[in-house]
């Protein structure tokens, strides 16, 4: 997954984190694995994996 907000920093918000968890849970029902969530912002990028 990725999120791009060129006017915001790449650091994920609490809403981004909650939404990611909801999507991961929903994807599991279809045997889809979410490997990472990359946020792209004006200050670069950040990955949920570290």
Protein backbone atom coordinates (compact mmCIF):
# COMPACT_ATOMS: atom_id res chain seq x y z
CA UNK A 1 0.00 0.00 0.00
CA UNK A 2 1.06 3.56 -0.38
CA UNK A 3 -0.22 6.95 0.61
CA UNK A 4 0.85 10.15 -1.08
CA UNK A 5 0.23 13.62 0.25
CA UNK A 6 2.76 15.95 -1.29
CA UNK A 7 1.71 18.80 1.02
CA UNK A 8 2.02 16.75 4.24
CA UNK A 9 4.95 15.05 5.95
CA UNK A 10 5.49 11.34 5.34
CA UNK A 11 4.97 10.40 9.00
CA UNK A 12 1.74 8.36 9.21
CA UNK A 13 -1.07 9.84 11.28
CA UNK A 14 -3.08 7.86 13.83
CA UNK A 15 -5.84 7.65 11.23
CA UNK A 16 -3.38 6.21 8.69
CA UNK A 17 -2.29 3.56 11.20
CA UNK A 18 -5.88 2.62 12.10
CA UNK A 19 -6.92 2.50 8.44
CA UNK A 20 -3.93 0.31 7.60
CA UNK A 21 -4.94 -2.17 10.30
CA UNK A 22 -8.52 -2.28 8.97
CA UNK A 23 -7.26 -2.90 5.43
CA UNK A 24 -4.87 -5.62 6.59
CA UNK A 25 -7.69 -7.38 8.45
CA UNK A 26 -10.01 -7.12 5.44
CA UNK A 27 -7.30 -8.37 3.06
CA UNK A 28 -6.76 -11.48 5.18
CA UNK A 29 -10.32 -12.57 4.38
CA UNK A 30 -9.23 -12.81 0.73
CA UNK A 31 -5.83 -14.38 1.48
CA UNK A 32 -4.09 -11.14 0.51
CA UNK A 33 -0.97 -10.22 2.45
CA UNK A 34 -0.09 -6.55 2.92
CA UNK A 35 3.70 -6.48 3.09
CA UNK A 36 4.21 -2.78 3.73
CA UNK A 37 2.58 0.63 3.85
CA UNK A 38 4.71 3.39 2.35
CA UNK A 39 3.84 7.02 3.07
CA UNK A 40 5.16 9.66 0.66
CA UNK A 41 5.20 13.30 1.69
CA UNK A 42 6.99 16.59 1.08
CA UNK A 43 9.82 15.50 3.40
CA UNK A 44 10.49 12.13 1.76
CA UNK A 45 9.04 8.69 2.40
CA UNK A 46 8.49 6.42 5.36
CA UNK A 47 7.78 2.73 5.45
CA UNK A 48 5.80 0.90 8.12
CA UNK A 49 8.41 -1.86 8.06
CA UNK A 50 11.11 0.49 9.33
